[in-house]
Protein backbone atom coordinates (compact mmCIF):
# COMPACT_ATOMS: atom_id res chain seq x y z
CA UNK A 1 0.13 0.17 -0.09
CA UNK A 2 1.79 3.38 -1.57
CA UNK A 3 0.61 7.02 0.18
CA UNK A 4 -0.47 9.26 -1.67
CA UNK A 5 1.09 13.15 -1.74
CA UNK A 6 -1.62 14.42 -0.43
CA UNK A 7 -2.14 11.72 1.87
CA UNK A 8 1.23 12.16 2.85
CA UNK A 9 1.23 15.88 3.32
CA UNK A 10 -2.14 15.47 5.39
CA UNK A 11 -0.06 13.53 7.72
CA UNK A 12 2.69 15.76 7.67
CA UNK A 13 0.32 18.45 9.30
CA UNK A 14 -1.50 16.27 11.33
CA UNK A 15 2.15 15.33 13.02
CA UNK A 16 3.28 19.22 12.93
CA UNK A 17 0.37 19.52 15.99
CA UNK A 18 0.87 16.77 17.28
CA UNK A 19 4.63 16.88 17.62
CA UNK A 20 5.39 21.24 18.00
CA UNK A 21 4.81 21.25 21.93
CA UNK A 22 7.17 18.64 22.53
CA UNK A 23 9.79 19.42 20.48
CA UNK A 24 9.02 23.42 22.57
CA UNK A 25 9.51 21.78 25.74
CA UNK A 26 13.32 21.29 24.51
CA UNK A 27 13.74 25.11 24.22
CA UNK A 28 13.59 24.08 19.89
CA UNK A 29 11.54 25.00 17.41
CA UNK A 30 9.77 22.36 14.80
CA UNK A 31 11.01 23.62 11.73
CA UNK A 32 8.93 20.98 9.07
CA UNK A 33 7.67 17.63 9.23
CA UNK A 34 7.57 15.51 6.06
CA UNK A 35 6.57 12.18 5.89
CA UNK A 36 6.96 9.80 2.68
CA UNK A 37 6.58 6.00 1.84
CA UNK A 38 9.10 3.63 1.21
CA UNK A 39 8.39 0.69 0.99
CA UNK A 40 5.90 -0.67 3.26
CA UNK A 41 7.28 1.44 6.24
CA UNK A 42 6.67 5.15 6.32
CA UNK A 43 9.68 7.78 6.41
CA UNK A 44 9.08 10.70 8.82
CA UNK A 45 11.53 12.94 8.89
CA UNK A 46 11.91 16.18 11.43
CA UNK A 47 13.81 19.27 11.28
CA UNK A 48 14.66 20.69 14.56
CA UNK A 49 16.06 24.22 14.93
CA UNK A 50 17.08 26.81 18.19
CA UNK A 51 14.33 29.29 18.57
CA UNK A 52 17.09 32.32 18.70
CA UNK A 53 20.53 33.74 19.33
CA UNK A 54 23.59 32.60 16.25
CA UNK A 55 23.95 28.76 18.30
CA UNK A 56 23.11 25.66 16.14
CA UNK A 57 21.33 22.84 17.80
CA UNK A 58 24.41 20.55 19.27
CA UNK A 59 24.01 17.06 19.11
CA UNK A 60 22.81 16.54 22.72
CA UNK A 61 20.23 18.41 21.68
CA UNK A 62 19.21 16.40 18.77
CA UNK A 63 19.57 13.16 21.15
CA UNK A 64 16.81 14.18 23.72
CA UNK A 65 14.38 15.54 21.53
CA UNK A 66 14.65 13.09 18.96
CA UNK A 67 13.27 10.44 22.12
CA UNK A 68 10.75 13.01 23.31
CA UNK A 69 9.60 12.62 19.37
CA UNK A 70 10.00 8.65 19.36
CA UNK A 71 8.12 8.46 22.66
CA UNK A 72 5.50 10.86 21.47
CA UNK A 73 4.97 8.63 18.34
CA UNK A 74 4.89 5.47 20.38
CA UNK A 75 2.07 7.40 21.98
CA UNK A 76 0.21 8.12 18.68
CA UNK A 77 -2.73 5.65 17.54
CA UNK A 78 -1.43 5.33 13.95
CA UNK A 79 2.43 4.89 15.12
CA UNK A 80 2.00 2.72 17.83
CA UNK A 81 -0.16 -0.02 16.39
CA UNK A 82 -0.18 -0.90 12.61
CA UNK A 83 2.28 0.96 10.44
CA UNK A 84 6.30 0.89 10.88
CA UNK A 85 8.39 3.84 10.56
CA UNK A 86 11.66 5.69 10.37
CA UNK A 87 12.30 8.35 12.28
CA UNK A 88 14.71 10.87 11.60
CA UNK A 89 15.51 13.98 13.47
CA UNK A 90 17.65 16.04 12.33
CA UNK A 91 18.54 20.52 12.48
CA UNK A 92 18.64 22.41 8.87
CA UNK A 93 21.59 22.43 6.64
CA UNK A 94 23.51 24.91 5.09
CA UNK A 95 21.28 24.52 2.20
CA UNK A 96 18.10 26.04 3.75
CA UNK A 97 16.72 29.51 2.94
CA UNK A 98 16.69 31.95 4.92
CA UNK A 99 13.22 32.99 4.90
CA UNK A 100 12.48 34.06 8.57
CA UNK A 101 14.37 36.77 10.52
CA UNK A 102 15.96 34.31 13.38
CA UNK A 103 17.25 32.11 10.13
CA UNK A 104 19.08 35.52 9.29
CA UNK A 105 20.25 36.33 12.80
CA UNK A 106 21.88 32.52 13.43
CA UNK A 107 23.73 33.65 9.81
CA UNK A 108 25.21 36.40 11.15
CA UNK A 109 29.17 36.86 10.25
CA UNK A 110 28.80 34.01 7.88
CA UNK A 111 28.87 34.45 3.96
CA UNK A 112 25.49 34.18 2.65
CA UNK A 113 24.60 33.96 -1.30
CA UNK A 114 21.55 36.11 -2.57
CA UNK A 115 19.21 37.20 -5.41
CA UNK A 116 17.43 40.33 -5.04
CA UNK A 117 14.15 40.88 -7.10
CA UNK A 118 15.18 42.66 -10.15
CA UNK A 119 17.43 39.41 -10.25
CA UNK A 120 20.66 40.36 -9.24
CA UNK A 121 22.28 37.19 -7.69
CA UNK A 122 25.32 38.85 -4.83
CA UNK A 123 27.82 37.24 -2.65
CA UNK A 124 28.53 38.74 0.50
CA UNK A 125 29.12 38.48 5.18
CA UNK A 126 26.09 39.83 6.67
CA UNK A 127 26.79 41.45 9.61
CA UNK A 128 24.03 42.74 10.50
CA UNK A 129 20.21 41.57 10.92
CA UNK A 130 17.15 43.98 11.89
CA UNK A 131 12.78 43.08 11.76
CA UNK A 132 13.02 44.24 8.03
CA UNK A 133 16.58 44.68 6.79
CA UNK A 134 19.87 43.20 6.83
CA UNK A 135 23.52 44.38 6.35
CA UNK A 136 25.90 42.96 4.04
CA UNK A 137 29.09 43.67 3.07
CA UNK A 138 29.26 42.45 -0.70
CA UNK A 139 31.88 40.73 -2.28
CA UNK A 140 33.22 40.62 -5.55
CA UNK A 141 35.19 37.72 -7.43
CA UNK A 142 38.15 39.08 -8.88
CA UNK A 143 38.61 39.75 -12.64
CA UNK A 144 41.60 37.76 -13.01
CA UNK A 145 42.96 34.63 -10.57
CA UNK A 146 45.53 35.94 -8.44
CA UNK A 147 43.76 39.19 -7.78
CA UNK A 148 42.10 40.35 -4.73
CA UNK A 149 38.87 39.68 -4.01
CA UNK A 150 37.00 43.29 -3.52
CA UNK A 151 34.61 43.72 -1.09
CA UNK A 152 31.88 46.43 -0.41
CA UNK A 153 31.08 48.70 2.33
CA UNK A 154 28.38 47.37 4.32
CA UNK A 155 25.10 47.69 2.99
CA UNK A 156 21.46 47.73 3.58
CA UNK A 157 19.05 45.14 2.08
CA UNK A 158 15.50 45.19 2.57
CA UNK A 159 14.37 41.79 3.04
CA UNK A 160 11.19 42.13 0.72
CA UNK A 161 14.03 42.97 -1.66
CA UNK A 162 15.62 39.86 -1.39
CA UNK A 163 13.97 37.03 -3.36
CA UNK A 164 16.53 34.05 -1.87
CA UNK A 165 19.09 33.40 0.21
CA UNK A 166 21.62 30.50 1.86
CA UNK A 167 24.49 30.54 3.45
CA UNK A 168 27.71 30.27 1.49
CA UNK A 169 30.14 27.99 3.97
CA UNK A 170 33.71 29.09 3.86
CA UNK A 171 36.36 26.61 4.00
CA UNK A 172 39.26 27.83 6.00
CA UNK A 173 42.06 25.24 6.88
CA UNK A 174 44.12 26.59 9.77
CA UNK A 175 48.03 25.53 9.32
CA UNK A 176 48.20 25.30 13.22
CA UNK A 177 45.88 22.49 13.46
CA UNK A 178 47.94 20.32 11.98
CA UNK A 179 51.77 21.68 13.36
CA UNK A 180 51.86 19.00 16.01
CA UNK A 181 50.29 16.09 13.95
CA UNK A 182 53.20 13.28 12.96
CA UNK A 183 52.50 12.12 9.39
CA UNK A 184 53.88 8.59 10.75
CA UNK A 185 50.81 8.57 12.60
CA UNK A 186 48.70 8.89 10.53
CA UNK A 187 49.78 5.86 8.55
CA UNK A 188 49.90 3.87 11.21
């Protein structure tokens, strides 16, 4: 028996109502619930996030909220009796669009890629977040390899003018971290 998309959407909405208070009891926000069929079982995916601040959900918090969600599902008539299910609980990944003010606050001081309503695509460091606007220092790629990136002075962008935005991960290697590593130990 395969679940229809409309059925899984309705179930996701129902579970959102069932699980919201359970997640909030951990000081977290229920970001999203999705349900999909996989063979004869259902996969319930739950995404949780911090309610505010710049810190991400840590592994211990994920473990605790997963236990609470699992217990709530075990008490739910649909999941307790008949339907086998798999539960996946996670925090939002870097690809999550920045759509809510708290998403922008969490991304403060990070690089973001964003598209303006006029189609302009930009990349820059998010330095300030207000209720209706953000301040970003736009970075321009160099014209030629080896040239430095040009960084504009911080500029204010109205959130209503930003069509899409995501965190742009930076990969910085700190050579000092590797100074005390003995290569022979790694080859062992």
